[in-house]
Each structure stands twice: as C-alpha cells, then as structure tokens.
PDB file of N, CA and C in Angstrom:
ATOM      1  N   MET A   1     128.628 102.709  96.788  1.00  0.00           N
ATOM      2  CA  MET A   1     127.006 102.193  97.518  1.00  0.00           C
ATOM      3  C   MET A   1     125.968 102.096  96.924  1.00  0.00           C
ATOM      4  N   MET A   2     125.585 100.707  97.480  1.00  0.00           N
ATOM      5  CA  MET A   2     124.222 100.463  96.618  1.00  0.00           C
ATOM      6  C   MET A   2     123.345 100.393  97.130  1.00  0.00           C
ATOM      7  N   ARG A   3     122.077 101.570  96.635  1.00  0.00           N
ATOM      8  CA  ARG A   3     120.935 102.070  97.171  1.00  0.00           C
ATOM      9  C   ARG A   3     119.871 101.447  96.474  1.00  0.00           C
ATOM     10  N   THR A   4     118.610 101.295  97.012  1.00  0.00           N
ATOM     11  CA  THR A   4     117.401 100.669  96.443  1.00  0.00           C
ATOM     12  C   THR A   4     116.569 101.425  96.555  1.00  0.00           C
ATOM     13  N   ILE A   5     116.003 102.299  95.222  1.00  0.00           N
ATOM     14  CA  ILE A   5     115.669 103.175  94.321  1.00  0.00           C
ATOM     15  C   ILE A   5     113.947 102.118  93.790  1.00  0.00           C
ATOM     16  N   MET A   6     112.815 103.077  93.858  1.00  0.00           N
ATOM     17  CA  MET A   6     111.861 103.006  93.138  1.00  0.00           C
ATOM     18  C   MET A   6     112.251 102.742  92.146  1.00  0.00           C
ATOM     19  N   LYS A   7     111.821 101.786  90.861  1.00  0.00           N
ATOM     20  CA  LYS A   7     111.926 101.704  89.679  1.00  0.00           C
ATOM     21  C   LYS A   7     110.604 101.838  88.660  1.00  0.00           C
ATOM     22  N   SER A   8     109.422 101.240  89.695  1.00  0.00           N
ATOM     23  CA  SER A   8     108.199 101.673  89.169  1.00  0.00           C
ATOM     24  C   SER A   8     107.105 101.796  89.321  1.00  0.00           C
ATOM     25  N   LYS A   9     106.279 102.651  89.461  1.00  0.00           N
ATOM     26  CA  LYS A   9     105.402 102.301  90.168  1.00  0.00           C
ATOM     27  C   LYS A   9     103.107 102.373  89.641  1.00  0.00           C
ATOM     28  N   LEU A  10     102.662 102.137  89.883  1.00  0.00           N
ATOM     29  CA  LEU A  10     101.301 101.913  88.996  1.00  0.00           C
ATOM     30  C   LEU A  10     100.437 102.742  90.375  1.00  0.00           C
ATOM     31  N   HIS A  11     100.203 104.246  90.065  1.00  0.00           N
ATOM     32  CA  HIS A  11      99.313 105.149  90.841  1.00  0.00           C
ATOM     33  C   HIS A  11      98.016 104.974  90.688  1.00  0.00           C
ATOM     34  N   ASN A  12      97.255 105.156  91.963  1.00  0.00           N
ATOM     35  CA  ASN A  12      96.099 104.516  92.020  1.00  0.00           C
ATOM     36  C   ASN A  12      94.882 103.782  91.397  1.00  0.00           C
ATOM     37  N   ALA A  13      95.673 102.610  91.131  1.00  0.00           N
ATOM     38  CA  ALA A  13      94.998 101.335  90.751  1.00  0.00           C
ATOM     39  C   ALA A  13      93.986 101.178  91.648  1.00  0.00           C
ATOM     40  N   THR A  14      93.098 100.225  91.540  1.00  0.00           N
ATOM     41  CA  THR A  14      91.945 100.208  91.696  1.00  0.00           C
ATOM     42  C   THR A  14      91.682  98.551  91.769  1.00  0.00           C
ATOM     43  N   ILE A  15      91.656  98.320  93.125  1.00  0.00           N
ATOM     44  CA  ILE A  15      91.409  96.284  92.832  1.00  0.00           C
ATOM     45  C   ILE A  15      90.423  95.944  92.543  1.00  0.00           C
ATOM     46  N   THR A  16      90.249  95.320  91.427  1.00  0.00           N
ATOM     47  CA  THR A  16      89.349  94.816  90.696  1.00  0.00           C
ATOM     48  C   THR A  16      88.447  93.765  91.117  1.00  0.00           C
ATOM     49  N   GLN A  17      89.121  92.672  92.094  1.00  0.00           N
ATOM     50  CA  GLN A  17      89.126  91.729  92.738  1.00  0.00           C
ATOM     51  C   GLN A  17      90.022  90.951  93.751  1.00  0.00           C
ATOM     52  N   ALA A  18      89.550  90.271  94.644  1.00  0.00           N
ATOM     53  CA  ALA A  18      89.925  89.789  96.132  1.00  0.00           C
ATOM     54  C   ALA A  18      89.690  88.421  96.068  1.00  0.00           C
ATOM     55  N   ASN A  19      90.263  87.658  96.052  1.00  0.00           N
ATOM     56  CA  ASN A  19      90.235  85.557  96.259  1.00  0.00           C
ATOM     57  C   ASN A  19      91.069  85.462  97.158  1.00  0.00           C
ATOM     58  N   VAL A  20      90.704  85.190  98.232  1.00  0.00           N
ATOM     59  CA  VAL A  20      91.522  84.960  99.614  1.00  0.00           C
ATOM     60  C   VAL A  20      91.981  83.516  99.153  1.00  0.00           C
ATOM     61  N   ASN A  21      91.467  82.636  98.421  1.00  0.00           N
ATOM     62  CA  ASN A  21      91.789  80.828  97.860  1.00  0.00           C
ATOM     63  C   ASN A  21      92.577  80.509  96.981  1.00  0.00           C
ATOM     64  N   TYR A  22      93.070  82.043  95.692  1.00  0.00           N
ATOM     65  CA  TYR A  22      93.926  81.518  95.584  1.00  0.00           C
ATOM     66  C   TYR A  22      95.350  82.028  95.759  1.00  0.00           C
ATOM     67  N   GLU A  23      96.067  81.187  95.009  1.00  0.00           N
ATOM     68  CA  GLU A  23      97.851  81.542  96.016  1.00  0.00           C
ATOM     69  C   GLU A  23      98.615  82.791  95.847  1.00  0.00           C
ATOM     70  N   GLY A  24      98.789  83.134  96.621  1.00  0.00           N
ATOM     71  CA  GLY A  24      98.827  84.483  97.214  1.00  0.00           C
ATOM     72  C   GLY A  24     100.174  85.068  95.861  1.00  0.00           C
ATOM     73  N   SER A  25      99.672  86.432  95.609  1.00  0.00           N
ATOM     74  CA  SER A  25     100.167  87.314  95.107  1.00  0.00           C
ATOM     75  C   SER A  25      99.266  88.287  94.428  1.00  0.00           C
ATOM     76  N   ILE A  26      99.559  89.377  93.058  1.00  0.00           N
ATOM     77  CA  ILE A  26      98.802  90.252  92.648  1.00  0.00           C
ATOM     78  C   ILE A  26      98.465  89.899  91.206  1.00  0.00           C
ATOM     79  N   THR A  27      97.243  90.131  90.833  1.00  0.00           N
ATOM     80  CA  THR A  27      97.800  89.786  88.873  1.00  0.00           C
ATOM     81  C   THR A  27      97.549  91.381  88.319  1.00  0.00           C
ATOM     82  N   ILE A  28      98.237  91.260  87.928  1.00  0.00           N
ATOM     83  CA  ILE A  28      98.260  92.826  86.848  1.00  0.00           C
ATOM     84  C   ILE A  28      97.720  92.614  85.455  1.00  0.00           C
ATOM     85  N   ASP A  29      96.922  93.349  84.654  1.00  0.00           N
ATOM     86  CA  ASP A  29      96.884  93.501  83.679  1.00  0.00           C
ATOM     87  C   ASP A  29      98.045  93.350  82.517  1.00  0.00           C
ATOM     88  N   LYS A  30      98.193  92.454  81.722  1.00  0.00           N
ATOM     89  CA  LYS A  30      99.414  92.499  81.371  1.00  0.00           C
ATOM     90  C   LYS A  30     100.280  93.866  80.534  1.00  0.00           C
ATOM     91  N   GLU A  31      99.014  94.926  80.102  1.00  0.00           N
ATOM     92  CA  GLU A  31      99.543  95.981  79.391  1.00  0.00           C
ATOM     93  C   GLU A  31     100.167  96.559  80.389  1.00  0.00           C
ATOM     94  N   LEU A  32      99.916  96.905  81.602  1.00  0.00           N
ATOM     95  CA  LEU A  32     100.049  97.500  82.908  1.00  0.00           C
ATOM     96  C   LEU A  32     101.737  97.274  83.543  1.00  0.00           C
ATOM     97  N   VAL A  33     101.642  95.662  83.265  1.00  0.00           N
ATOM     98  CA  VAL A  33     102.953  95.187  83.269  1.00  0.00           C
ATOM     99  C   VAL A  33     103.628  95.829  82.368  1.00  0.00           C
ATOM    100  N   GLU A  34     104.117  95.747  81.223  1.00  0.00           N
ATOM    101  CA  GLU A  34     104.784  96.266  80.367  1.00  0.00           C
ATOM    102  C   GLU A  34     105.105  97.917  80.752  1.00  0.00           C
ATOM    103  N   LYS A  35     103.767  98.510  80.639  1.00  0.00           N
ATOM    104  CA  LYS A  35     104.115  99.784  80.559  1.00  0.00           C
ATOM    105  C   LYS A  35     104.820  99.833  82.386  1.00  0.00           C
ATOM    106  N   ALA A  36     105.261  99.755  83.285  1.00  0.00           N
ATOM    107  CA  ALA A  36     105.248  99.693  84.311  1.00  0.00           C
ATOM    108  C   ALA A  36     106.761  98.953  83.773  1.00  0.00           C
ATOM    109  N   ASN A  37     107.625  98.288  83.488  1.00  0.00           N
ATOM    110  CA  ASN A  37     108.576  97.496  83.460  1.00  0.00           C
ATOM    111  C   ASN A  37     108.746  97.025  84.407  1.00  0.00           C
ATOM    112  N   LEU A  38     107.544  95.418  84.295  1.00  0.00           N
ATOM    113  CA  LEU A  38     107.250  95.185  85.279  1.00  0.00           C
ATOM    114  C   LEU A  38     107.638  93.311  85.162  1.00  0.00           C
ATOM    115  N   ILE A  39     107.468  91.934  85.695  1.00  0.00           N
ATOM    116  CA  ILE A  39     107.629  90.853  84.721  1.00  0.00           C
ATOM    117  C   ILE A  39     107.101  90.551  85.601  1.00  0.00           C
ATOM    118  N   GLY A  40     106.475  89.544  85.505  1.00  0.00           N
ATOM    119  CA  GLY A  40     106.238  87.685  86.353  1.00  0.00           C
ATOM    120  C   GLY A  40     106.996  87.426  87.267  1.00  0.00           C
ATOM    121  N   GLY A  41     106.412  86.550  88.502  1.00  0.00           N
ATOM    122  CA  GLY A  41     107.085  86.745  89.614  1.00  0.00           C
ATOM    123  C   GLY A  41     108.283  88.139  90.168  1.00  0.00           C
ATOM    124  N   GLU A  42     107.863  89.321  89.833  1.00  0.00           N
ATOM    125  CA  GLU A  42     108.947  89.877  90.898  1.00  0.00           C
ATOM    126  C   GLU A  42     108.195  90.959  91.391  1.00  0.00           C
ATOM    127  N   ARG A  43     108.738  91.035  93.197  1.00  0.00           N
ATOM    128  CA  ARG A  43     108.597  91.507  94.413  1.00  0.00           C
ATOM    129  C   ARG A  43     107.229  92.524  93.797  1.00  0.00           C
ATOM    130  N   VAL A  44     106.963  93.092  94.591  1.00  0.00           N
ATOM    131  CA  VAL A  44     106.380  94.080  94.430  1.00  0.00           C
ATOM    132  C   VAL A  44     105.952  94.336  95.983  1.00  0.00           C
ATOM    133  N   GLN A  45     105.593  96.198  96.367  1.00  0.00           N
ATOM    134  CA  GLN A  45     105.184  96.564  97.663  1.00  0.00           C
ATOM    135  C   GLN A  45     103.479  97.430  96.905  1.00  0.00           C
ATOM    136  N   ILE A  46     102.564  96.758  98.057  1.00  0.00           N
ATOM    137  CA  ILE A  46     100.891  97.345  97.634  1.00  0.00           C
ATOM    138  C   ILE A  46     101.033  98.138  99.064  1.00  0.00           C
ATOM    139  N   VAL A  47     100.371  99.580  98.490  1.00  0.00           N
ATOM    140  CA  VAL A  47      99.762 100.993  99.221  1.00  0.00           C
ATOM    141  C   VAL A  47      98.343 101.024  99.287  1.00  0.00           C
ATOM    142  N   ASP A  48      97.524 100.315 100.223  1.00  0.00           N
ATOM    143  CA  ASP A  48      96.684 100.360  99.818  1.00  0.00           C
ATOM    144  C   ASP A  48      96.020 101.738 100.379  1.00  0.00           C
ATOM    145  N   LEU A  49      95.580 102.618  99.373  1.00  0.00           N
ATOM    146  CA  LEU A  49      95.126 104.231 100.327  1.00  0.00           C
ATOM    147  C   LEU A  49      94.169 104.818 101.321  1.00  0.00           C
ATOM    148  N   ASP A  50      93.182 103.320 101.135  1.00  0.00           N
ATOM    149  CA  ASP A  50      91.596 103.603 101.973  1.00  0.00           C
ATOM    150  C   ASP A  50      91.618 102.764 103.191  1.00  0.00           C
ATOM    151  N   ASN A  51      93.501 101.972 103.325  1.00  0.00           N
ATOM    152  CA  ASN A  51      93.480 101.658 105.016  1.00  0.00           C
ATOM    153  C   ASN A  51      95.005 101.859 105.333  1.00  0.00           C
ATOM    154  N   GLY A  52      95.824 102.141 104.743  1.00  0.00           N
ATOM    155  CA  GLY A  52      96.859 102.302 104.972  1.00  0.00           C
ATOM    156  C   GLY A  52      97.787 101.270 105.075  1.00  0.00           C
ATOM    157  N   GLU A  53      97.022 100.124 104.835  1.00  0.00           N
ATOM    158  CA  GLU A  53      98.380  99.044 104.967  1.00  0.00           C
ATOM    159  C   GLU A  53      99.103  98.803 103.867  1.00  0.00           C
ATOM    160  N   ARG A  54     100.211  98.379 104.532  1.00  0.00           N
ATOM    161  CA  ARG A  54     101.267  98.130 102.945  1.00  0.00           C
ATOM    162  C   ARG A  54     102.030  96.309 103.541  1.00  0.00           C
ATOM    163  N   LEU A  55     102.280  96.083 101.808  1.00  0.00           N
ATOM    164  CA  LEU A  55     102.569  94.490 101.731  1.00  0.00           C
ATOM    165  C   LEU A  55     103.220  94.497 100.674  1.00  0.00           C
ATOM    166  N   GLU A  56     104.410  93.340 100.722  1.00  0.00           N
ATOM    167  CA  GLU A  56     104.856  93.171  99.810  1.00  0.00           C
ATOM    168  C   GLU A  56     104.286  91.359  99.100  1.00  0.00           C
ATOM    169  N   THR A  57     103.956  91.908  98.042  1.00  0.00           N
ATOM    170  CA  THR A  57     104.273  90.207  96.968  1.00  0.00           C
ATOM    171  C   THR A  57     104.885  90.042  95.838  1.00  0.00           C
ATOM    172  N   TYR A  58     103.825  89.169  94.731  1.00  0.00           N
ATOM    173  CA  TYR A  58     104.728  89.167  93.461  1.00  0.00           C
ATOM    174  C   TYR A  58     103.890  88.660  92.673  1.00  0.00           C
ATOM    175  N   VAL A  59     104.300  89.503  91.453  1.00  0.00           N
ATOM    176  CA  VAL A  59     103.596  89.408  90.067  1.00  0.00           C
ATOM    177  C   VAL A  59     102.934  88.532  89.762  1.00  0.00           C
ATOM    178  N   ILE A  60     101.873  88.216  89.044  1.00  0.00           N
ATOM    179  CA  ILE A  60     101.008  87.054  87.730  1.00  0.00           C
ATOM    180  C   ILE A  60     100.928  88.337  87.162  1.00  0.00           C
ATOM    181  N   VAL A  61     100.937  88.219  85.802  1.00  0.00           N
ATOM    182  CA  VAL A  61     100.906  88.372  85.044  1.00  0.00           C
ATOM    183  C   VAL A  61      99.372  88.221  84.298  1.00  0.00           C
ATOM    184  N   GLY A  62      98.300  89.343  84.077  1.00  0.00           N
ATOM    185  CA  GLY A  62      96.856  89.188  84.021  1.00  0.00           C
ATOM    186  C   GLY A  62      96.667  89.141  82.802  1.00  0.00           C
ATOM    187  N   GLU A  63      95.063  88.865  82.247  1.00  0.00           N
ATOM    188  CA  GLU A  63      95.371  89.434  80.451  1.00  0.00           C
ATOM    189  C   GLU A  63      94.995  90.225  80.251  1.00  0.00           C
ATOM    190  N   ARG A  64      96.340  90.797  79.063  1.00  0.00           N
ATOM    191  CA  ARG A  64      96.001  92.274  78.461  1.00  0.00           C
ATOM    192  C   ARG A  64      94.678  92.528  78.417  1.00  0.00           C
ATOM    193  N   GLY A  65      94.512  94.158  78.727  1.00  0.00           N
ATOM    194  CA  GLY A  65      93.469  95.059  78.379  1.00  0.00           C
ATOM    195  C   GLY A  65      92.030  94.518  79.330  1.00  0.00           C
ATOM    196  N   SER A  66      92.386  93.663  80.390  1.00  0.00           N
ATOM    197  CA  SER A  66      91.285  93.058  81.166  1.00  0.00           C
ATOM    198  C   SER A  66      91.003  94.414  82.384  1.00  0.00           C
ATOM    199  N   GLY A  67      91.957  95.354  82.215  1.00  0.00           N
ATOM    200  CA  GLY A  67      92.405  96.237  84.178  1.00  0.00           C
ATOM    201  C   GLY A  67      91.930  95.874  85.204  1.00  0.00           C
ATOM    202  N   VAL A  68      92.190  94.481  85.283  1.00  0.00           N
ATOM    203  CA  VAL A  68      92.881  93.755  86.349  1.00  0.00           C
ATOM    204  C   VAL A  68      93.955  93.707  87.116  1.00  0.00           C
ATOM    205  N   ILE A  69      93.595  93.773  88.379  1.00  0.00           N
ATOM    206  CA  ILE A  69      94.513  94.363  89.694  1.00  0.00           C
ATOM    207  C   ILE A  69      93.453  93.220  90.567  1.00  0.00           C
ATOM    208  N   GLY A  70      94.302  91.789  90.804  1.00  0.00           N
ATOM    209  CA  GLY A  70      93.540  91.039  91.691  1.00  0.00           C
ATOM    210  C   GLY A  70      94.689  91.371  93.041  1.00  0.00           C
ATOM    211  N   MET A  71      93.372  91.094  94.140  1.00  0.00           N
ATOM    212  CA  MET A  71      94.860  90.630  95.784  1.00  0.00           C
ATOM    213  C   MET A  71      94.496  89.420  95.675  1.00  0.00           C
ATOM    214  N   ASN A  72      95.386  88.337  95.418  1.00  0.00           N
ATOM    215  CA  ASN A  72      95.369  86.634  95.751  1.00  0.00           C
ATOM    216  C   ASN A  72      95.708  86.797  97.165  1.00  0.00           C
ATOM    217  N   GLY A  73      95.156  85.583  97.530  1.00  0.00           N
ATOM    218  CA  GLY A  73      95.929  84.935  98.864  1.00  0.00           C
ATOM    219  C   GLY A  73      95.476  85.998 100.103  1.00  0.00           C
ATOM    220  N   PRO A  74      96.159  85.390 101.263  1.00  0.00           N
ATOM    221  CA  PRO A  74      96.003  86.670 102.462  1.00  0.00           C
ATOM    222  C   PRO A  74      96.265  87.437 102.123  1.00  0.00           C
ATOM    223  N   ALA A  75      96.713  88.307 100.925  1.00  0.00           N
ATOM    224  CA  ALA A  75      96.396  89.598 100.514  1.00  0.00           C
ATOM    225  C   ALA A  75      95.013  90.518 100.463  1.00  0.00           C
ATOM    226  N   ALA A  76      94.490  89.530 100.014  1.00  0.00           N
ATOM    227  CA  ALA A  76      93.391  89.969  99.919  1.00  0.00           C
ATOM    228  C   ALA A  76      92.112  90.179 101.150  1.00  0.00           C
ATOM    229  N   LEU A  77      92.911  89.879 101.798  1.00  0.00           N
ATOM    230  CA  LEU A  77      92.167  90.497 103.506  1.00  0.00           C
ATOM    231  C   LEU A  77      93.140  91.723 103.397  1.00  0.00           C
ATOM    232  N   LYS A  78      93.806  92.361 102.881  1.00  0.00           N
ATOM    233  CA  LYS A  78      94.598  93.357 103.595  1.00  0.00           C
ATOM    234  C   LYS A  78      93.950  94.560 102.688  1.00  0.00           C
ATOM    235  N   CYS A  79      93.664  93.912 101.354  1.00  0.00           N
ATOM    236  CA  CYS A  79      93.549  95.411 100.295  1.00  0.00           C
ATOM    237  C   CYS A  79      92.157  94.829  99.873  1.00  0.00           C
ATOM    238  N   GLU A  80      90.995  95.295  99.432  1.00  0.00           N
ATOM    239  CA  GLU A  80      89.381  94.689  99.655  1.00  0.00           C
ATOM    240  C   GLU A  80      89.134  95.393  97.820  1.00  0.00           C
ATOM    241  N   LYS A  81      88.692  94.773  97.226  1.00  0.00           N
ATOM    242  CA  LYS A  81      87.758  95.611  96.293  1.00  0.00           C
ATOM    243  C   LYS A  81      87.563  96.415  96.443  1.00  0.00           C
ATOM    244  N   GLY A  82      87.344  97.399  95.009  1.00  0.00           N
ATOM    245  CA  GLY A  82      87.297  98.861  95.354  1.00  0.00           C
ATOM    246  C   GLY A  82      88.412  99.822  96.017  1.00  0.00           C
ATOM    247  N   HIS A  83      89.248  99.226  96.256  1.00  0.00           N
ATOM    248  CA  HIS A  83      90.173  99.377  97.596  1.00  0.00           C
ATOM    249  C   HIS A  83      91.039 100.754  96.128  1.00  0.00           C
ATOM    250  N   LYS A  84      91.423 101.437  96.422  1.00  0.00           N
ATOM    251  CA  LYS A  84      93.206 102.135  95.583  1.00  0.00           C
ATOM    252  C   LYS A  84      94.483 101.866  95.793  1.00  0.00           C
ATOM    253  N   VAL A  85      95.241 101.644  95.072  1.00  0.00           N
ATOM    254  CA  VAL A  85      96.254 101.876  95.790  1.00  0.00           C
ATOM    255  C   VAL A  85      97.763 101.646  95.082  1.00  0.00           C
ATOM    256  N   HIS A  86      98.612 102.011  95.211  1.00  0.00           N
ATOM    257  CA  HIS A  86      99.688 102.279  94.867  1.00  0.00           C
ATOM    258  C   HIS A  86     100.701 101.332  94.751  1.00  0.00           C
ATOM    259  N   ILE A  87     100.911 100.043  93.684  1.00  0.00           N
ATOM    260  CA  ILE A  87     101.847  99.052  93.425  1.00  0.00           C
ATOM    261  C   ILE A  87     103.559  99.769  92.829  1.00  0.00           C
ATOM    262  N   ILE A  88     104.457  99.235  93.784  1.00  0.00           N
ATOM    263  CA  ILE A  88     105.874 100.052  93.505  1.00  0.00           C
ATOM    264  C   ILE A  88     106.733  98.441  94.397  1.00  0.00           C
ATOM    265  N   SER A  89     107.276  98.779  92.657  1.00  0.00           N
ATOM    266  CA  SER A  89     108.840  98.250  92.313  1.00  0.00           C
ATOM    267  C   SER A  89     110.170  98.912  93.078  1.00  0.00           C
ATOM    268  N   TYR A  90     111.468  97.815  93.134  1.00  0.00           N
ATOM    269  CA  TYR A  90     112.931  98.957  93.529  1.00  0.00           C
ATOM    270  C   TYR A  90     113.806  98.149  92.858  1.00  0.00           C
ATOM    271  N   VAL A  91     114.286  98.409  92.894  1.00  0.00           N
ATOM    272  CA  VAL A  91     115.929  98.305  91.976  1.00  0.00           C
ATOM    273  C   VAL A  91     117.254  98.513  93.016  1.00  0.00           C
ATOM    274  N   MET A  92     117.981  97.196  93.163  1.00  0.00           N
ATOM    275  CA  MET A  92     119.136  98.077  93.255  1.00  0.00           C
ATOM    276  C   MET A  92     119.625  98.361  92.704  1.00  0.00           C
ATOM    277  N   ALA A  93     120.634  99.530  92.912  1.00  0.00           N
ATOM    278  CA  ALA A  93     121.741 100.583  91.886  1.00  0.00           C
ATOM    279  C   ALA A  93     122.399 100.911  92.586  1.00  0.00           C
ATOM    280  N   ASP A  94     123.750 100.933  91.761  1.00  0.00           N
ATOM    281  CA  ASP A  94     125.397 101.801  92.152  1.00  0.00           C
ATOM    282  C   ASP A  94     124.765 103.228  92.113  1.00  0.00           C
ATOM    283  N   ASP A  95     125.675 103.994  92.620  1.00  0.00           N
ATOM    284  CA  ASP A  95     125.525 105.395  93.098  1.00  0.00           C
ATOM    285  C   ASP A  95     125.992 105.690  91.574  1.00  0.00           C
ATOM    286  N   ARG A  96     126.617 104.895  91.034  1.00  0.00           N
ATOM    287  CA  ARG A  96     126.734 105.458  89.404  1.00  0.00           C
ATOM    288  C   ARG A  96     126.011 105.026  88.370  1.00  0.00           C
ATOM    289  N   GLU A  97     124.582 104.495  88.912  1.00  0.00           N
ATOM    290  CA  GLU A  97     123.850 104.228  88.047  1.00  0.00           C
ATOM    291  C   GLU A  97     122.633 105.129  88.181  1.00  0.00           C
ATOM    292  N   LEU A  98     121.835 105.427  87.328  1.00  0.00           N
ATOM    293  CA  LEU A  98     120.894 106.195  86.819  1.00  0.00           C
ATOM    294  C   LEU A  98     120.207 105.887  86.911  1.00  0.00           C
ATOM    295  N   VAL A  99     118.932 105.606  88.126  1.00  0.00           N
ATOM    296  CA  VAL A  99     117.690 105.109  87.492  1.00  0.00           C
ATOM    297  C   VAL A  99     116.731 106.189  87.710  1.00  0.00           C
ATOM    298  N   GLU A 100     115.861 105.876  86.415  1.00  0.00           N
ATOM    299  CA  GLU A 100     114.838 106.998  85.915  1.00  0.00           C
ATOM    300  C   GLU A 100     113.600 106.461  85.782  1.00  0.00           C
ATOM    301  N   PRO A 101     112.715 106.064  87.250  1.00  0.00           N
ATOM    302  CA  PRO A 101     111.315 105.729  87.647  1.00  0.00           C
ATOM    303  C   PRO A 101     110.355 105.605  86.517  1.00  0.00           C
ATOM    304  N   ARG A 102     109.866 105.024  86.519  1.00  0.00           N
ATOM    305  CA  ARG A 102     108.692 104.738  85.600  1.00  0.00           C
ATOM    306  C   ARG A 102     107.354 104.811  86.744  1.00  0.00           C
ATOM    307  N   VAL A 103     106.682 105.510  86.603  1.00  0.00           N
ATOM    308  CA  VAL A 103     105.376 106.447  87.025  1.00  0.00           C
ATOM    309  C   VAL A 103     104.046 106.112  85.964  1.00  0.00           C
ATOM    310  N   ILE A 104     103.298 105.224  86.870  1.00  0.00           N
ATOM    311  CA  ILE A 104     101.885 105.302  85.098  1.00  0.00           C
ATOM    312  C   ILE A 104     100.766 105.362  86.550  1.00  0.00           C
ATOM    313  N   ILE A 105     100.214 106.424  86.293  1.00  0.00           N
ATOM    314  CA  ILE A 105      99.068 107.055  85.785  1.00  0.00           C
ATOM    315  C   ILE A 105      98.141 107.091  85.398  1.00  0.00           C
ATOM    316  N   LEU A 106      97.328 105.547  86.675  1.00  0.00           N
ATOM    317  CA  LEU A 106      95.518 105.001  86.195  1.00  0.00           C
ATOM    318  C   LEU A 106      94.282 106.341  86.352  1.00  0.00           C
ATOM    319  N   ASN A 107      93.576 105.625  85.463  1.00  0.00           N
ATOM    320  CA  ASN A 107      91.885 106.249  85.794  1.00  0.00           C
ATOM    321  C   ASN A 107      91.012 104.859  86.603  1.00  0.00           C
ATOM    322  N   GLU A 108      90.026 105.298  86.445  1.00  0.00           N
ATOM    323  CA  GLU A 108      89.223 104.473  86.729  1.00  0.00           C
ATOM    324  C   GLU A 108      89.210 102.800  87.071  1.00  0.00           C
ATOM    325  N   GLY A 109      89.072 103.019  85.655  1.00  0.00           N
ATOM    326  CA  GLY A 109      88.549 101.908  84.790  1.00  0.00           C
ATOM    327  C   GLY A 109      90.814 100.857  85.102  1.00  0.00           C
ATOM    328  N   ASN A 110      91.101 101.733  85.159  1.00  0.00           N
ATOM    329  CA  ASN A 110      92.809 101.304  85.289  1.00  0.00           C
ATOM    330  C   ASN A 110      93.210 101.510  84.341  1.00  0.00           C
ATOM    331  N   LYS A 111      92.700 102.333  83.161  1.00  0.00           N
ATOM    332  CA  LYS A 111      93.591 102.915  82.032  1.00  0.00           C
ATOM    333  C   LYS A 111      94.527 103.682  82.116  1.00  0.00           C
ATOM    334  N   ILE A 112      95.343 104.029  81.480  1.00  0.00           N
ATOM    335  CA  ILE A 112      96.634 104.273  81.547  1.00  0.00           C
ATOM    336  C   ILE A 112      96.077 105.873  81.517  1.00  0.00           C
ATOM    337  N   LYS A 113      96.209 106.879  82.496  1.00  0.00           N
ATOM    338  CA  LYS A 113      96.253 108.491  82.124  1.00  0.00           C
ATOM    339  C   LYS A 113      97.117 109.348  81.414  1.00  0.00           C
ATOM    340  N   GLN A 114      97.714 108.839  81.848  1.00  0.00           N
ATOM    341  CA  GLN A 114      99.420 109.365  81.864  1.00  0.00           C
ATOM    342  C   GLN A 114     100.938 108.372  82.460  1.00  0.00           C
TER     343      GLN A 114
END
C-alpha cells in the first residue's frame, strides 16, 4: 500500500517578504532548501500559524544565507510578511519503505536552531 508521508518540514519559518505581483510560489533560502531535502519546483504545503491558512505552492530556490522566506503571487494574500509558517513536503512511500522525516527548526532570523 502506498501512503503519503511527511518528508521534510521547515518549522517556525518567518515570512520575510510578500509580493502579490510575482509569479506564484514560495522563495526559500538555498541553505534551508538543502537542509530540508527540498528542490526547486517541489510542491509544498504552507501552514500559517498566525491565521490558520493552509495552501499549496512550489519552491523557488533563493539566495544562500539570505534567510528569505518569500510568499509570491496570490499566496502573498494569505501569508503576510512577519507571519510564522511551517513549510511541509510529502512523499509517496510503500509500507516497506522507511521514511525518516527531516524537521528543521528555525529561529527568528530563519537560521537553523536545530
């Protein structure tokens, strides 16, 4: 049986920019993308801790070390600058496959806490 399982999570990220007029997506610092085992174009779920919104979009890789977490396009109307979010990716896995989720906890500056 195939199941959808959490693969990666950026926990407590802070939205650093929101641009409605940019093509839809979320821009994430390249260092965080790599640590969370994400890739450009990968589908992710965004959970906004400030307003309860949940939405799906795709990753755009941002500048390494910038701390950028940028909501782009219509998603910028749902998650505003300064909001705290969880960014989650999932994978389809067979019951026989072991999936060890990678959870990256972030501090206020979107730097890795643990």
